[in-house]
Amino acid sequence: MAVAHTIIYILLASLAAAAAASGSNNSIFGCYESIISLGDSYADTGNLLQLKILEESDLALSGYPPYGRNFFHHPTGRYSDGRLIIDFFGIYSN
């Protein structure tokens, strides 16, 4: 079931990008300056460490190992161990 949700998410994001690009003279693979991602675990952007209130609390465990060790080689504030789907959208959209 999770795979089906992921596939649907990717298809909807691709269709949204195509619809946004088709309104102008740019191609579908135009240059984007930012990505707005509304989601949960598919888009864990690591903003928890940016909140000064939570730096010393137990909720900020993402600022310590093992989080981020495989790709970034240091904790990034994400509750993941590497890149996410949104990272690949950003890399391959340029």
N, C-alpha and C. Protein backbone atom coordinates (compact mmCIF):
# COMPACT_ATOMS: atom_id res chain seq x y z
N MET A 1 0.82 -1.19 0.00
CA MET A 1 0.00 0.00 0.00
C MET A 1 0.86 1.26 0.00
N ALA A 2 1.99 1.23 0.74
CA ALA A 2 2.87 2.40 0.79
C ALA A 2 3.49 2.67 -0.57
N VAL A 3 3.77 1.61 -1.32
CA VAL A 3 4.36 1.79 -2.65
C VAL A 3 3.36 2.48 -3.57
N ALA A 4 2.09 2.10 -3.47
CA ALA A 4 1.06 2.73 -4.29
C ALA A 4 0.93 4.22 -3.97
N HIS A 5 1.01 4.57 -2.69
CA HIS A 5 0.94 5.98 -2.31
C HIS A 5 2.14 6.75 -2.84
N THR A 6 3.31 6.13 -2.82
CA THR A 6 4.51 6.78 -3.33
C THR A 6 4.40 7.02 -4.83
N ILE A 7 3.91 6.04 -5.55
CA ILE A 7 3.75 6.18 -7.00
C ILE A 7 2.75 7.27 -7.33
N ILE A 8 1.64 7.30 -6.61
CA ILE A 8 0.63 8.34 -6.82
C ILE A 8 1.21 9.71 -6.51
N TYR A 9 1.98 9.82 -5.44
CA TYR A 9 2.62 11.09 -5.07
C TYR A 9 3.55 11.56 -6.18
N ILE A 10 4.36 10.68 -6.72
CA ILE A 10 5.29 11.05 -7.79
C ILE A 10 4.54 11.47 -9.04
N LEU A 11 3.49 10.74 -9.40
CA LEU A 11 2.71 11.08 -10.58
C LEU A 11 2.03 12.44 -10.43
N LEU A 12 1.45 12.70 -9.27
CA LEU A 12 0.79 13.98 -9.05
C LEU A 12 1.79 15.13 -9.07
N ALA A 13 2.95 14.92 -8.48
CA ALA A 13 3.97 15.97 -8.50
C ALA A 13 4.45 16.23 -9.92
N SER A 14 4.60 15.18 -10.71
CA SER A 14 5.02 15.34 -12.10
C SER A 14 3.97 16.08 -12.92
N LEU A 15 2.70 15.73 -12.70
CA LEU A 15 1.62 16.40 -13.42
C LEU A 15 1.52 17.87 -13.02
N ALA A 16 1.72 18.16 -11.74
CA ALA A 16 1.67 19.55 -11.29
C ALA A 16 2.80 20.36 -11.90
N ALA A 17 3.98 19.77 -11.98
CA ALA A 17 5.11 20.47 -12.60
C ALA A 17 4.86 20.70 -14.08
N ALA A 18 4.28 19.72 -14.76
CA ALA A 18 3.98 19.86 -16.18
C ALA A 18 2.92 20.93 -16.42
N ALA A 19 1.90 20.96 -15.57
CA ALA A 19 0.85 21.96 -15.72
C ALA A 19 1.38 23.37 -15.46
N ALA A 20 2.26 23.50 -14.48
CA ALA A 20 2.83 24.82 -14.18
C ALA A 20 3.72 25.31 -15.31
N ALA A 21 4.44 24.41 -15.92
CA ALA A 21 5.36 24.79 -16.99
C ALA A 21 4.65 25.02 -18.32
N SER A 22 3.51 24.40 -18.52
CA SER A 22 2.83 24.51 -19.82
C SER A 22 2.18 25.86 -20.03
N GLY A 23 1.99 26.65 -18.98
CA GLY A 23 1.37 27.95 -19.12
C GLY A 23 2.30 29.00 -19.69
N SER A 24 3.57 28.71 -19.80
CA SER A 24 4.52 29.68 -20.33
C SER A 24 5.27 29.08 -21.51
N ASN A 25 6.23 29.80 -22.02
CA ASN A 25 7.03 29.32 -23.14
C ASN A 25 8.14 28.38 -22.71
N ASN A 26 8.32 28.19 -21.42
CA ASN A 26 9.37 27.29 -20.94
C ASN A 26 9.00 25.84 -21.21
N SER A 27 9.99 25.01 -21.31
CA SER A 27 9.73 23.58 -21.46
C SER A 27 9.34 23.00 -20.11
N ILE A 28 8.93 21.77 -20.09
CA ILE A 28 8.53 21.11 -18.85
C ILE A 28 9.70 21.00 -17.88
N PHE A 29 10.92 20.99 -18.40
CA PHE A 29 12.09 20.86 -17.55
C PHE A 29 12.77 22.22 -17.33
N GLY A 30 11.97 23.24 -17.10
CA GLY A 30 12.49 24.59 -16.89
C GLY A 30 13.26 24.70 -15.59
N CYS A 31 13.84 25.84 -15.37
CA CYS A 31 14.63 26.10 -14.18
C CYS A 31 13.72 26.60 -13.06
N TYR A 32 13.75 25.94 -11.93
CA TYR A 32 12.94 26.32 -10.78
C TYR A 32 13.84 26.88 -9.70
N GLU A 33 13.40 27.93 -9.04
CA GLU A 33 14.19 28.54 -7.98
C GLU A 33 13.88 27.94 -6.62
N SER A 34 12.70 27.35 -6.46
CA SER A 34 12.35 26.77 -5.17
C SER A 34 11.32 25.67 -5.37
N ILE A 35 11.20 24.84 -4.35
CA ILE A 35 10.21 23.77 -4.33
C ILE A 35 9.42 23.92 -3.04
N ILE A 36 8.12 23.96 -3.16
CA ILE A 36 7.26 24.00 -1.98
C ILE A 36 6.70 22.61 -1.81
N SER A 37 7.02 22.01 -0.68
CA SER A 37 6.62 20.63 -0.44
C SER A 37 5.75 20.57 0.81
N LEU A 38 4.56 20.08 0.66
CA LEU A 38 3.65 19.89 1.78
C LEU A 38 3.53 18.39 2.00
N GLY A 39 4.02 17.91 3.11
CA GLY A 39 3.99 16.47 3.31
C GLY A 39 4.44 16.09 4.70
N ASP A 40 4.69 14.81 4.83
CA ASP A 40 5.13 14.29 6.12
C ASP A 40 6.48 13.62 5.96
N SER A 41 6.54 12.32 6.05
CA SER A 41 7.82 11.63 5.97
C SER A 41 8.44 11.66 4.59
N TYR A 42 7.66 11.97 3.57
CA TYR A 42 8.23 12.09 2.22
C TYR A 42 9.03 13.38 2.06
N ALA A 43 8.83 14.32 2.95
CA ALA A 43 9.50 15.62 2.81
C ALA A 43 10.00 16.11 4.17
N ASP A 44 10.76 15.30 4.86
CA ASP A 44 11.33 15.67 6.15
C ASP A 44 12.50 16.61 5.90
N THR A 45 12.25 17.91 5.97
CA THR A 45 13.27 18.88 5.59
C THR A 45 14.23 19.23 6.71
N GLY A 46 14.00 18.74 7.90
CA GLY A 46 14.96 18.96 8.98
C GLY A 46 14.88 20.32 9.64
N ASN A 47 13.73 20.93 9.66
CA ASN A 47 13.59 22.25 10.25
C ASN A 47 13.48 22.23 11.77
N LEU A 48 13.43 21.06 12.36
CA LEU A 48 13.27 20.98 13.81
C LEU A 48 14.43 21.64 14.54
N LEU A 49 15.64 21.51 14.03
CA LEU A 49 16.80 22.12 14.68
C LEU A 49 16.82 23.64 14.54
N GLN A 50 16.06 24.18 13.60
CA GLN A 50 16.01 25.64 13.42
C GLN A 50 15.19 26.31 14.52
N LEU A 51 14.35 25.55 15.20
CA LEU A 51 13.55 26.10 16.28
C LEU A 51 14.40 26.15 17.55
N LYS A 52 14.70 27.32 18.03
CA LYS A 52 15.60 27.49 19.18
C LYS A 52 15.03 26.88 20.45
N ILE A 53 13.72 26.78 20.55
CA ILE A 53 13.08 26.25 21.74
C ILE A 53 13.39 24.77 21.92
N LEU A 54 13.50 24.05 20.81
CA LEU A 54 13.63 22.60 20.87
C LEU A 54 15.08 22.11 20.87
N GLU A 55 16.07 22.99 20.85
CA GLU A 55 17.45 22.54 20.75
C GLU A 55 17.88 21.66 21.91
N GLU A 56 17.41 21.96 23.11
CA GLU A 56 17.84 21.21 24.28
C GLU A 56 16.83 20.17 24.72
N SER A 57 15.76 20.00 24.00
CA SER A 57 14.74 19.06 24.41
C SER A 57 14.97 17.69 23.80
N ASP A 58 14.20 16.73 24.24
CA ASP A 58 14.29 15.37 23.70
C ASP A 58 13.75 15.28 22.28
N LEU A 59 13.00 16.27 21.84
CA LEU A 59 12.45 16.24 20.49
C LEU A 59 13.50 16.50 19.42
N ALA A 60 14.63 17.06 19.80
CA ALA A 60 15.67 17.40 18.83
C ALA A 60 16.71 16.30 18.69
N LEU A 61 16.31 15.05 18.81
CA LEU A 61 17.25 13.94 18.68
C LEU A 61 17.82 13.82 17.28
N SER A 62 17.18 14.44 16.32
CA SER A 62 17.67 14.37 14.94
C SER A 62 18.97 15.16 14.76
N GLY A 63 19.39 15.88 15.75
CA GLY A 63 20.64 16.62 15.69
C GLY A 63 21.84 15.81 16.14
N TYR A 64 21.63 14.54 16.43
CA TYR A 64 22.70 13.68 16.90
C TYR A 64 22.77 12.42 16.04
N PRO A 65 23.93 11.75 16.04
CA PRO A 65 24.05 10.49 15.28
C PRO A 65 23.02 9.48 15.78
N PRO A 66 22.54 8.59 14.97
CA PRO A 66 22.99 8.16 13.65
C PRO A 66 22.31 8.89 12.50
N TYR A 67 21.48 9.90 12.75
CA TYR A 67 20.74 10.55 11.67
C TYR A 67 21.68 11.26 10.71
N GLY A 68 21.52 11.00 9.43
CA GLY A 68 22.30 11.65 8.39
C GLY A 68 23.66 11.03 8.11
N ARG A 69 23.99 9.92 8.73
CA ARG A 69 25.36 9.41 8.61
C ARG A 69 25.70 8.83 7.25
N ASN A 70 24.73 8.30 6.51
CA ASN A 70 25.06 7.65 5.24
C ASN A 70 25.26 8.61 4.08
N PHE A 71 24.54 9.68 4.04
CA PHE A 71 24.69 10.59 2.90
C PHE A 71 25.40 11.88 3.29
N PHE A 72 24.95 12.52 4.33
CA PHE A 72 25.50 13.82 4.70
C PHE A 72 26.74 13.69 5.59
N HIS A 73 26.92 12.57 6.21
CA HIS A 73 28.05 12.25 7.09
C HIS A 73 28.05 13.06 8.38
N HIS A 74 26.95 13.70 8.69
CA HIS A 74 26.78 14.39 9.96
C HIS A 74 25.28 14.61 10.17
N PRO A 75 24.83 14.78 11.41
CA PRO A 75 23.41 15.01 11.66
C PRO A 75 22.92 16.29 11.00
N THR A 76 21.75 16.22 10.40
CA THR A 76 21.22 17.35 9.65
C THR A 76 19.92 17.90 10.21
N GLY A 77 19.38 17.26 11.22
CA GLY A 77 18.09 17.68 11.74
C GLY A 77 16.94 16.92 11.11
N ARG A 78 17.24 16.02 10.21
CA ARG A 78 16.21 15.19 9.59
C ARG A 78 16.11 13.86 10.34
N TYR A 79 14.92 13.34 10.41
CA TYR A 79 14.73 12.01 10.97
C TYR A 79 14.84 10.97 9.87
N SER A 80 15.88 11.06 9.09
CA SER A 80 16.15 10.10 8.02
C SER A 80 17.65 9.93 7.93
N ASP A 81 18.07 9.00 7.10
CA ASP A 81 19.49 8.68 7.02
C ASP A 81 20.09 9.06 5.68
N GLY A 82 19.43 9.91 4.96
CA GLY A 82 19.96 10.29 3.66
C GLY A 82 18.99 11.16 2.90
N ARG A 83 19.05 11.08 1.60
CA ARG A 83 18.18 11.90 0.75
C ARG A 83 16.77 11.32 0.69
N LEU A 84 15.82 12.21 0.42
CA LEU A 84 14.42 11.84 0.32
C LEU A 84 13.93 12.10 -1.10
N ILE A 85 12.69 11.77 -1.37
CA ILE A 85 12.12 11.96 -2.70
C ILE A 85 12.21 13.42 -3.13
N ILE A 86 11.95 14.33 -2.21
CA ILE A 86 11.99 15.75 -2.55
C ILE A 86 13.40 16.19 -2.94
N ASP A 87 14.42 15.57 -2.36
CA ASP A 87 15.80 15.89 -2.74
C ASP A 87 16.07 15.49 -4.19
N PHE A 88 15.57 14.33 -4.59
CA PHE A 88 15.77 13.88 -5.96
C PHE A 88 15.00 14.75 -6.95
N PHE A 89 13.81 15.22 -6.57
CA PHE A 89 13.08 16.17 -7.42
C PHE A 89 13.92 17.42 -7.64
N GLY A 90 14.52 17.92 -6.58
CA GLY A 90 15.34 19.11 -6.69
C GLY A 90 16.58 18.91 -7.54
N ILE A 91 17.22 17.76 -7.39
CA ILE A 91 18.44 17.49 -8.15
C ILE A 91 18.15 17.34 -9.63
N TYR A 92 17.12 16.57 -9.95
CA TYR A 92 16.86 16.26 -11.35
C TYR A 92 15.98 17.28 -12.06
N SER A 93 15.50 18.30 -11.35
CA SER A 93 14.69 19.31 -12.02
C SER A 93 15.54 20.43 -12.63
N ASN A 94 16.81 20.44 -12.33
CA ASN A 94 17.69 21.49 -12.89
C ASN A 94 18.20 21.13 -14.24
